[in-house]
Protein backbone atom coordinates (compact mmCIF):
# COMPACT_ATOMS: atom_id res chain seq x y z
CA PRO A 1 -6.02 11.84 17.94
CA GLN A 2 -5.37 15.13 16.19
CA GLY A 3 -2.08 15.36 14.35
CA LYS A 4 -1.19 11.72 14.99
CA TYR A 5 -0.72 9.00 12.41
CA PHE A 6 -3.59 6.66 11.50
CA THR A 7 -2.61 5.23 8.11
CA ASP A 8 -1.05 6.45 4.87
CA PHE A 9 -2.25 5.80 1.34
CA PHE A 10 -2.06 6.93 -2.29
CA ILE A 11 -4.99 8.36 -4.26
CA VAL A 12 -4.87 7.92 -8.05
CA LEU A 13 -7.30 8.09 -10.96
CA HIS A 14 -7.62 4.59 -12.41
CA GLU A 15 -9.90 3.76 -15.34
CA GLY A 16 -12.36 6.49 -14.48
CA ARG A 17 -12.48 5.68 -10.78
CA ILE A 18 -10.69 7.09 -7.76
CA LEU A 19 -8.41 4.36 -6.46
CA ILE A 20 -7.05 4.35 -2.89
CA ASP A 21 -3.88 2.29 -2.50
CA ILE A 22 -3.73 1.35 1.18
CA LEU A 23 -2.27 -1.35 3.42
CA GLU A 24 -4.77 -4.22 3.52
CA ASP A 25 -4.55 -4.54 7.31
CA THR A 26 -6.02 -1.05 7.72
CA SER A 27 -8.47 -1.09 4.81
CA GLU A 28 -11.64 -2.24 6.59
CA GLU A 29 -11.50 0.42 9.29
CA PHE A 30 -10.52 3.03 6.72
CA ILE A 31 -13.57 2.20 4.57
CA ASN A 32 -15.81 2.50 7.62
CA LYS A 33 -14.40 5.97 8.32
CA LEU A 34 -14.99 7.05 4.72
CA LEU A 35 -18.58 5.84 4.92
CA LEU A 36 -19.18 8.20 7.85
CA TYR A 37 -18.44 11.16 5.56
CA ARG A 38 -20.36 9.94 2.51
CA LEU A 39 -23.63 11.46 3.79
CA ARG A 40 -26.06 11.73 0.86
CA ALA A 41 -23.50 11.60 -1.93
CA LYS A 42 -24.01 8.84 -4.50
CA VAL A 43 -20.60 7.31 -3.92
CA GLU A 44 -19.76 3.62 -3.80
CA ILE A 45 -16.83 2.62 -1.60
CA ALA A 46 -15.60 -0.95 -1.93
CA LYS A 47 -12.48 -3.10 -2.11
CA THR A 48 -11.10 -4.17 -5.48
CA ASP A 49 -9.14 -7.25 -6.51
CA LEU A 50 -6.37 -5.18 -8.11
CA ARG A 51 -2.77 -6.10 -7.35
CA VAL A 52 -0.02 -3.54 -6.72
CA SER A 53 3.18 -3.79 -8.80
CA LEU A 54 6.39 -1.96 -7.88
CA GLY A 55 9.65 -1.27 -9.65
CA LEU A 56 12.56 1.03 -10.34
CA HIS A 57 13.18 0.48 -14.06
CA ASN A 58 11.16 0.11 -17.28
CA LYS A 59 8.24 2.11 -15.92
CA PRO A 60 4.95 0.93 -17.49
CA LYS A 61 2.88 3.52 -19.34
CA GLU A 62 0.04 3.33 -16.82
CA ALA A 63 2.31 3.50 -13.73
CA PHE A 64 2.87 6.60 -11.61
CA SER A 65 5.98 7.73 -9.78
CA ASP A 66 5.98 7.25 -6.02
CA PRO A 67 5.55 10.83 -4.74
CA ARG A 68 7.49 10.26 -1.51
CA HIS A 69 10.93 10.08 -3.15
CA PRO A 70 12.35 9.44 -6.65
CA ALA A 71 14.34 6.49 -5.25
CA LEU A 72 11.08 4.61 -4.62
CA GLY A 73 10.39 4.20 -8.35
CA TRP A 74 6.88 3.52 -9.63
CA ARG A 75 3.61 1.81 -8.72
CA SER A 76 0.94 0.34 -11.00
CA TYR A 77 -2.25 -1.71 -10.66
CA GLY A 78 -3.62 -4.73 -12.49
CA SER A 79 -5.07 -8.22 -12.17
CA GLU A 80 -1.63 -9.72 -11.43
CA GLU A 81 1.32 -8.51 -9.39
CA ASN A 82 4.43 -7.89 -11.49
CA SER A 83 7.00 -6.42 -9.11
CA GLN A 84 10.73 -6.17 -9.72
CA GLU A 85 13.18 -7.62 -7.21
CA VAL A 86 14.34 -4.61 -5.21
CA ASP A 87 15.72 -4.23 -1.70
CA TRP A 88 13.05 -1.75 -0.63
CA THR A 89 14.19 -1.78 2.99
CA GLN A 90 17.66 -0.60 1.97
CA ILE A 91 16.13 2.24 -0.03
CA ARG A 92 13.83 3.24 2.81
CA VAL A 93 16.68 3.22 5.31
CA SER A 94 18.99 5.20 3.01
CA TYR A 95 16.43 7.99 2.57
CA CYS A 96 14.72 7.69 5.99
CA ILE A 97 11.33 6.75 4.57
CA PRO A 98 9.04 5.32 7.28
CA GLU A 99 6.81 2.26 6.79
CA THR A 100 3.34 1.60 8.19
CA ASN A 101 3.37 -0.64 11.27
CA ILE A 102 7.16 -0.26 11.62
CA GLU A 103 8.30 3.35 12.05
CA LEU A 104 4.75 4.67 11.66
CA VAL A 105 2.93 3.70 14.84
CA ARG A 106 -0.81 4.27 14.93
CA ASP A 107 -2.03 6.88 17.43
CA GLN A 108 1.56 7.57 18.52
CA THR A 109 3.51 9.00 15.59
CA TYR A 110 3.15 12.69 14.74
CA ILE A 111 3.43 13.04 10.98
CA LEU A 112 5.99 15.87 11.08
CA GLU A 113 8.22 13.86 13.40
CA ALA A 114 8.03 11.10 10.76
CA GLY A 115 9.13 13.51 8.02
CA PHE A 116 5.86 13.67 6.07
CA ASP A 117 6.66 17.26 5.07
CA ARG A 118 9.72 16.14 3.05
CA LEU A 119 7.81 13.12 1.66
CA ASN A 120 5.14 15.29 0.01
CA GLY A 121 2.66 14.13 2.62
CA VAL A 122 1.62 17.50 4.08
CA ASP A 123 0.08 20.55 2.40
CA PHE A 124 0.41 23.58 4.66
CA LYS A 125 -1.80 25.68 2.38
CA LYS A 126 -4.74 23.27 2.35
CA GLY A 127 -8.00 24.13 4.11
CA CYS A 128 -9.39 22.48 7.22
CA TYR A 129 -8.58 18.85 7.98
CA ILE A 130 -8.34 16.79 11.15
CA GLY A 131 -5.05 17.57 12.87
CA GLN A 132 -4.37 20.75 10.88
CA GLU A 133 -3.97 23.01 13.91
CA ILE A 134 -1.36 20.96 15.71
CA THR A 135 0.47 20.15 12.45
CA ALA A 136 0.64 23.81 11.47
CA ARG A 137 1.72 24.84 14.97
CA MET A 138 4.52 22.25 15.00
CA HIS A 139 5.67 23.49 11.60
CA HIS A 140 5.52 27.26 12.13
CA LYS A 141 5.98 27.85 15.85
CA THR A 142 8.13 25.09 17.31
CA GLU A 143 11.36 23.27 16.63
CA LEU A 144 11.02 19.49 16.52
CA LYS A 145 12.54 17.91 19.59
CA LYS A 146 12.33 14.33 18.32
CA GLY A 147 11.91 12.51 15.06
CA LEU A 148 13.16 9.91 12.61
CA ILE A 149 16.72 10.01 11.28
CA THR A 150 19.05 7.55 9.55
CA VAL A 151 21.90 6.28 11.76
CA LYS A 152 24.88 3.96 11.40
CA VAL A 153 24.43 0.55 13.05
CA ASP A 154 27.31 -1.71 14.11
CA GLY A 155 25.71 -5.06 14.88
CA ASN A 156 22.11 -6.24 14.83
CA ALA A 157 19.09 -5.41 16.95
CA GLU A 158 15.41 -6.30 16.66
CA VAL A 159 12.99 -3.73 15.28
CA GLY A 160 11.69 -1.72 18.23
CA THR A 161 14.86 -2.03 20.35
CA GLU A 162 15.37 0.78 22.84
CA ILE A 163 18.31 3.11 22.15
CA LEU A 164 20.32 4.16 25.18
CA ALA A 165 22.58 7.20 25.46
CA ASN A 166 24.68 7.24 28.62
CA ASP A 167 22.29 4.61 30.03
CA GLN A 168 19.27 6.86 29.44
CA ASN A 169 16.46 6.27 26.94
CA ALA A 170 17.14 8.25 23.77
CA GLY A 171 14.73 6.59 21.35
CA THR A 172 13.99 3.46 19.35
CA LEU A 173 15.73 1.61 16.53
CA TYR A 174 13.56 0.38 13.66
CA SER A 175 14.35 -0.85 10.11
CA GLN A 176 17.98 -1.77 9.34
CA SER A 177 19.94 -2.62 6.21
CA LYS A 178 23.63 -2.90 5.40
CA GLY A 179 24.98 -1.12 8.45
CA ARG A 180 22.38 1.63 8.60
CA GLY A 181 19.03 2.02 10.30
CA ILE A 182 16.06 4.30 10.88
CA ALA A 183 15.87 5.54 14.45
CA PHE A 184 13.33 7.62 16.31
CA LEU A 185 15.40 9.85 18.59
CA ARG A 186 14.96 12.55 21.21
CA PHE A 187 17.42 15.05 19.83
CA ASN A 188 18.45 16.49 23.19
CA LYS A 189 19.52 13.00 24.33
CA VAL A 190 21.61 12.12 21.28
CA VAL A 191 25.35 11.52 21.65
CA PRO A 192 27.78 10.37 18.93
CA GLU A 193 27.77 6.75 20.17
CA MET A 194 24.76 4.94 21.65
CA LYS A 195 23.56 1.38 22.26
CA ALA A 196 20.56 -0.62 21.03
CA GLY A 197 20.69 -4.09 22.51
CA ASN A 198 24.01 -5.56 21.34
CA ALA A 199 24.37 -3.01 18.52
CA ILE A 200 26.25 0.29 18.60
CA ILE A 201 24.47 3.29 17.08
CA TYR A 202 26.39 6.19 15.56
CA THR A 203 24.97 9.54 14.57
CA ASP A 204 26.32 12.82 13.25
CA LYS A 205 23.89 14.81 15.43
């Protein structure tokens, strides 16, 4: 569907090839979609056996900085995974950075509601692409009525728990870490104190 999320990925130049860093669960269907647009070009599209390494410190020479936010550190690729021990969920929650198959729901999430514009995931000057019209219209002509924000969480609730404001649906609670969480909220329903299962949700909105 136009303007809605399918999957996110990184594109980097790696040893003379264009490398697409994508969640493995979505890779097969993604390759099939790319093949539809190959037409007569002499392009080979195939999986590699490269492993992704992640970290915050001692950035390897060949690594690149995660473009979504400086707090996400670096990524590199090789025959073996060599990732540093980092609480990535805490970082994502702190900076409201959505994750595929958690906050980013296929065929449901609009990328601007997920904050792709502040994560360097949208180019409003780029030429035609699928979903451009609705994305541009949401950016230039409307004010977002719902979206992802970081909230305070007192208690615990499962990912995907409904958030209630005055007993009415106000959104959904997703990733949580150390008393904070990422919530998808309808902004006109938000009140300072809400519920998500047995947890209390606080917001400044």
